[in-house]
Amino acid sequence: ISSNPHLAYARAAALLHAEPELPPFIHPSAVISEHAIVHPSASIGANAVIEEGARIGASSSIGPGSVIGANARIGEFTRILANVTIAHKVIIGRRVVIHPGAVIGADGFGLARDGESWIKVPQVGSVQIGDDVEIGANTTIDRGALKDTVLEQGVKLDNLIQIAHNVVIGAHTAIAGCTGIAGSTRIGKRCMIGGGVGISGHLEIADDVTITATSLVAKSIPESGIYSSSLPARSVRDWNKRLARLNKLGD
């Protein structure tokens, strides 16, 4: 038995609640392009769409209402649950779990100013998801503008996370819900990022960094360690007193 009680519980629960292996099944309402390749051991749920040139690996399952875009690749033993969108040319590794409502490979927020209006910058990169990654419900991962957005092996994402174009997340990093990561930021391996964190674009975050919940990261973090910038909630009366003092610091 592990000395870590959370690890021991996780392993025991995995054994107790392991899903039984079901025979492969393709629902009659699924729409599968004649030019897609679906392994005979894969399962496709009701109203799922598999577009031209997509490849579905052995023992993988595509949930009801999910869409696998043209020329996307889904690795072996991967589970894509209901109403997930995998856009064109996205590459998903082996043993990946993607929870309902996630969108992988939508266009990044690339715009160029043209006088008073904006011009869309074509997003011609893709998304690469490594092996053993888990992606939470309603999380969005944008495709790259030129290079790919990349999640390396073993990354774990909670629900409602936004990952912008060209972001790279190192192996075995875990990120809690409602975090937003702006474009072209690189996050190292084995990092832990709390819920509601905001990370600005074009930053470098080292390996083994922990960022506590609701922190704002506006500069690169070159060394491992624990970082925080959030202010805990206080009573309104107490906060107003502190804010009054804060506004007088310049004097």
Protein backbone atom coordinates (compact mmCIF):
# COMPACT_ATOMS: atom_id res chain seq x y z
CA ILE A 1 0.00 0.00 0.00
CA SER A 2 1.34 3.39 -0.94
CA SER A 3 2.34 5.82 1.82
CA ASN A 4 0.38 8.46 -0.14
CA PRO A 5 -3.30 7.92 0.82
CA HIS A 6 -4.62 9.80 -2.23
CA LEU A 7 -2.55 7.64 -4.56
CA ALA A 8 -3.64 4.47 -2.77
CA TYR A 9 -7.30 5.52 -3.06
CA ALA A 10 -6.94 6.38 -6.75
CA ARG A 11 -5.42 3.00 -7.56
CA ALA A 12 -8.05 1.10 -5.58
CA ALA A 13 -10.91 3.06 -7.15
CA ALA A 14 -9.52 2.44 -10.62
CA LEU A 15 -9.61 -1.30 -9.98
CA LEU A 16 -13.10 -1.26 -8.46
CA HIS A 17 -14.68 0.94 -11.13
CA ALA A 18 -12.83 -0.23 -14.22
CA GLU A 19 -15.20 -0.20 -17.18
CA PRO A 20 -15.85 -3.60 -18.75
CA GLU A 21 -14.55 -4.10 -22.26
CA LEU A 22 -17.47 -4.00 -24.66
CA PRO A 23 -17.52 -5.37 -28.19
CA PRO A 24 -16.99 -2.77 -30.93
CA PHE A 25 -20.20 -1.12 -32.11
CA ILE A 26 -21.10 1.43 -34.77
CA HIS A 27 -24.49 3.07 -34.25
CA PRO A 28 -26.67 3.13 -37.38
CA SER A 29 -27.09 6.93 -37.10
CA ALA A 30 -23.34 7.60 -37.20
CA VAL A 31 -22.08 9.35 -40.37
CA ILE A 32 -18.74 7.97 -41.48
CA SER A 33 -16.98 9.12 -44.64
CA GLU A 34 -16.13 6.34 -47.05
CA HIS A 35 -12.61 7.77 -47.06
CA ALA A 36 -12.20 7.57 -43.27
CA ILE A 37 -10.38 4.63 -41.67
CA VAL A 38 -12.05 3.18 -38.58
CA HIS A 39 -10.31 0.22 -36.94
CA PRO A 40 -12.60 -2.82 -36.65
CA SER A 41 -12.23 -2.78 -32.85
CA ALA A 42 -13.32 0.89 -32.51
CA SER A 43 -16.82 2.03 -31.47
CA ILE A 44 -18.78 4.98 -32.89
CA GLY A 45 -21.77 6.40 -30.99
CA ALA A 46 -25.11 7.75 -32.16
CA ASN A 47 -25.03 10.78 -34.48
CA ALA A 48 -21.25 10.95 -34.42
CA VAL A 49 -19.56 12.27 -37.58
CA ILE A 50 -16.24 10.97 -38.91
CA GLU A 51 -15.07 13.16 -41.77
CA GLU A 52 -12.96 12.40 -44.82
CA GLY A 53 -9.47 11.07 -44.20
CA ALA A 54 -9.90 10.72 -40.42
CA ARG A 55 -8.34 7.69 -38.73
CA ILE A 56 -9.76 6.05 -35.60
CA GLY A 57 -7.32 3.74 -33.79
CA ALA A 58 -7.82 0.28 -32.35
CA SER A 59 -10.12 -0.08 -29.32
CA SER A 60 -10.98 3.63 -29.33
CA SER A 61 -14.50 4.96 -28.83
CA ILE A 62 -16.19 8.07 -30.22
CA GLY A 63 -19.15 9.24 -28.14
CA PRO A 64 -22.59 10.29 -29.37
CA GLY A 65 -22.75 13.60 -31.19
CA SER A 66 -18.98 13.96 -31.45
CA VAL A 67 -17.31 15.20 -34.64
CA ILE A 68 -13.91 14.03 -35.86
CA GLY A 69 -12.69 16.44 -38.53
CA ALA A 70 -11.07 15.71 -41.85
CA ASN A 71 -7.64 14.03 -41.65
CA ALA A 72 -7.67 13.97 -37.83
CA ARG A 73 -5.90 11.09 -36.10
CA ILE A 74 -7.22 9.33 -32.99
CA GLY A 75 -4.80 6.93 -31.29
CA GLU A 76 -5.43 3.49 -29.81
CA PHE A 77 -7.50 3.00 -26.64
CA THR A 78 -8.63 6.63 -26.65
CA ARG A 79 -12.08 7.59 -25.29
CA ILE A 80 -13.82 10.61 -26.73
CA LEU A 81 -17.08 11.19 -24.88
CA ALA A 82 -20.30 12.93 -25.99
CA ASN A 83 -20.45 16.11 -28.08
CA VAL A 84 -16.70 16.59 -28.45
CA THR A 85 -15.35 18.41 -31.52
CA ILE A 86 -11.96 17.39 -32.90
CA ALA A 87 -11.17 19.74 -35.78
CA HIS A 88 -9.34 18.90 -39.00
CA LYS A 89 -5.78 17.56 -38.89
CA VAL A 90 -5.68 17.36 -35.07
CA ILE A 91 -3.55 14.48 -33.75
CA ILE A 92 -4.67 12.67 -30.57
CA GLY A 93 -2.38 10.11 -28.93
CA ARG A 94 -3.02 6.77 -27.25
CA ARG A 95 -5.08 6.23 -24.07
CA VAL A 96 -6.39 9.82 -24.12
CA VAL A 97 -9.69 10.72 -22.40
CA ILE A 98 -11.65 13.76 -23.63
CA HIS A 99 -14.75 14.69 -21.64
CA PRO A 100 -18.05 16.06 -23.02
CA GLY A 101 -18.18 19.39 -24.79
CA ALA A 102 -14.44 19.83 -25.30
CA VAL A 103 -13.31 21.55 -28.52
CA ILE A 104 -9.86 20.69 -29.84
CA GLY A 105 -8.48 22.60 -32.80
CA ALA A 106 -10.78 25.59 -33.25
CA ASP A 107 -9.09 28.64 -34.77
CA GLY A 108 -6.86 30.63 -32.48
CA PHE A 109 -7.71 34.27 -31.75
CA GLY A 110 -5.46 35.69 -34.44
CA LEU A 111 -6.35 39.18 -35.64
CA ALA A 112 -4.46 42.05 -37.26
CA ARG A 113 -5.54 45.69 -36.90
CA ASP A 114 -6.54 47.39 -40.15
CA GLY A 115 -7.48 50.96 -39.36
CA GLU A 116 -10.63 50.77 -37.28
CA SER A 117 -11.35 47.14 -38.11
CA TRP A 118 -9.74 43.73 -37.68
CA ILE A 119 -8.52 41.21 -40.27
CA LYS A 120 -8.47 37.52 -39.41
CA VAL A 121 -5.03 35.88 -39.51
CA PRO A 122 -5.35 32.35 -40.96
CA GLN A 123 -4.65 29.67 -38.37
CA VAL A 124 -2.84 27.04 -40.42
CA GLY A 125 -1.23 25.03 -37.60
CA SER A 126 -2.88 22.19 -35.74
CA VAL A 127 -3.00 20.59 -32.28
CA GLN A 128 -0.95 17.62 -31.08
CA ILE A 129 -2.09 15.74 -27.97
CA GLY A 130 0.35 13.21 -26.48
CA ASP A 131 -0.35 9.81 -24.92
CA ASP A 132 -2.19 9.44 -21.58
CA VAL A 133 -3.61 12.97 -21.61
CA GLU A 134 -6.99 13.78 -20.00
CA ILE A 135 -9.01 16.83 -21.07
CA GLY A 136 -11.95 18.07 -18.98
CA ALA A 137 -15.47 19.00 -20.02
CA ASN A 138 -15.93 22.17 -22.09
CA THR A 139 -12.20 22.82 -22.24
CA THR A 140 -10.99 24.48 -25.46
CA ILE A 141 -7.60 24.09 -27.12
CA ASP A 142 -6.97 26.33 -30.13
CA ARG A 143 -4.97 25.28 -33.16
CA GLY A 144 -1.68 27.02 -33.88
CA ALA A 145 -1.30 29.99 -36.18
CA LEU A 146 1.78 28.56 -37.94
CA LYS A 147 3.24 25.92 -35.62
CA ASP A 148 1.11 23.45 -33.64
CA THR A 149 -0.34 23.81 -30.18
CA VAL A 150 1.15 20.90 -28.18
CA LEU A 151 0.19 18.98 -25.04
CA GLU A 152 2.91 16.50 -24.17
CA GLN A 153 2.48 13.07 -22.59
CA GLY A 154 0.48 12.74 -19.38
CA VAL A 155 -0.92 16.30 -19.22
CA LYS A 156 -4.11 16.52 -17.13
CA LEU A 157 -6.60 19.34 -17.75
CA ASP A 158 -9.67 20.15 -15.66
CA ASN A 159 -12.97 21.55 -16.97
CA LEU A 160 -13.43 24.98 -18.59
CA ILE A 161 -9.80 25.70 -19.43
CA GLN A 162 -8.80 27.92 -22.37
CA ILE A 163 -5.51 27.15 -24.12
CA ALA A 164 -4.67 29.60 -26.89
CA HIS A 165 -2.79 29.06 -30.13
CA ASN A 166 0.83 27.88 -30.16
CA VAL A 167 0.90 27.08 -26.43
CA VAL A 168 3.16 24.17 -25.43
CA ILE A 169 2.46 22.31 -22.16
CA GLY A 170 5.18 19.98 -20.88
CA ALA A 171 4.73 16.36 -19.87
CA HIS A 172 2.76 15.48 -16.71
CA THR A 173 1.64 19.04 -15.97
CA ALA A 174 -1.77 19.34 -14.26
CA ILE A 175 -4.03 22.41 -14.63
CA ALA A 176 -7.20 23.10 -12.62
CA GLY A 177 -10.45 24.57 -13.92
CA CYS A 178 -11.09 28.04 -15.36
CA THR A 179 -7.41 28.71 -16.08
CA GLY A 180 -6.66 30.75 -19.20
CA ILE A 181 -3.34 30.55 -21.06
CA ALA A 182 -2.61 33.16 -23.72
CA GLY A 183 -0.89 32.42 -27.01
CA SER A 184 2.67 31.16 -27.54
CA THR A 185 3.37 30.53 -23.86
CA ARG A 186 5.50 27.49 -23.01
CA ILE A 187 4.84 25.68 -19.73
CA GLY A 188 7.37 23.19 -18.42
CA LYS A 189 7.09 19.60 -17.26
CA ARG A 190 5.47 18.46 -14.00
CA CYS A 191 3.94 21.87 -13.25
CA MET A 192 0.81 22.31 -11.11
CA ILE A 193 -1.45 25.26 -11.92
CA GLY A 194 -4.39 26.10 -9.68
CA GLY A 195 -7.90 27.08 -10.68
CA GLY A 196 -8.65 30.46 -12.20
CA VAL A 197 -5.01 31.28 -12.99
CA GLY A 198 -4.38 33.76 -15.82
CA ILE A 199 -1.16 33.38 -17.81
CA SER A 200 -0.13 36.06 -20.30
CA GLY A 201 1.20 35.26 -23.75
CA HIS A 202 4.75 34.61 -25.00
CA LEU A 203 6.02 33.55 -21.55
CA GLU A 204 8.34 30.74 -20.48
CA ILE A 205 7.51 28.79 -17.31
CA ALA A 206 10.17 26.41 -15.99
CA ASP A 207 9.73 22.75 -15.05
CA ASP A 208 8.32 21.88 -11.59
CA VAL A 209 6.55 25.20 -11.01
CA THR A 210 3.44 25.42 -8.81
CA ILE A 211 1.11 28.41 -9.29
CA THR A 212 -1.62 28.85 -6.69
CA ALA A 213 -5.26 29.51 -7.54
CA THR A 214 -6.37 32.80 -9.15
CA SER A 215 -2.82 34.06 -9.60
CA LEU A 216 -1.91 36.34 -12.50
CA VAL A 217 1.31 35.40 -14.30
CA ALA A 218 2.49 38.39 -16.32
CA LYS A 219 6.21 37.55 -16.55
CA SER A 220 8.20 34.43 -17.32
CA ILE A 221 9.09 32.12 -14.41
CA PRO A 222 12.64 30.85 -14.99
CA GLU A 223 13.06 28.75 -11.81
CA SER A 224 11.06 25.96 -10.18
CA GLY A 225 9.14 26.76 -6.99
CA ILE A 226 5.75 27.91 -5.70
CA TYR A 227 4.35 31.22 -6.99
CA SER A 228 1.28 33.18 -5.91
CA SER A 229 -0.23 36.60 -6.51
CA SER A 230 -3.86 36.32 -5.41
CA LEU A 231 -5.47 38.31 -2.57
CA PRO A 232 -7.81 36.32 -0.28
CA ALA A 233 -11.34 37.66 0.18
CA ARG A 234 -11.99 39.77 3.30
CA SER A 235 -14.97 41.53 4.77
CA VAL A 236 -15.89 44.68 2.84
CA ARG A 237 -15.10 46.88 5.85
CA ASP A 238 -11.63 45.37 6.28
CA TRP A 239 -10.90 45.52 2.55
CA ASN A 240 -11.94 49.18 2.28
CA LYS A 241 -9.56 50.10 5.11
CA ARG A 242 -6.68 48.27 3.43
CA LEU A 243 -7.51 49.81 0.04
CA ALA A 244 -7.50 53.30 1.55
CA ARG A 245 -3.98 52.68 2.91
CA LEU A 246 -2.88 51.19 -0.40
CA ASN A 247 -4.00 54.29 -2.32
CA LYS A 248 -1.78 56.43 -0.08
CA LEU A 249 1.43 54.45 -0.65
CA GLY A 250 2.60 56.99 -3.22
CA ASP A 251 2.52 59.71 -0.58
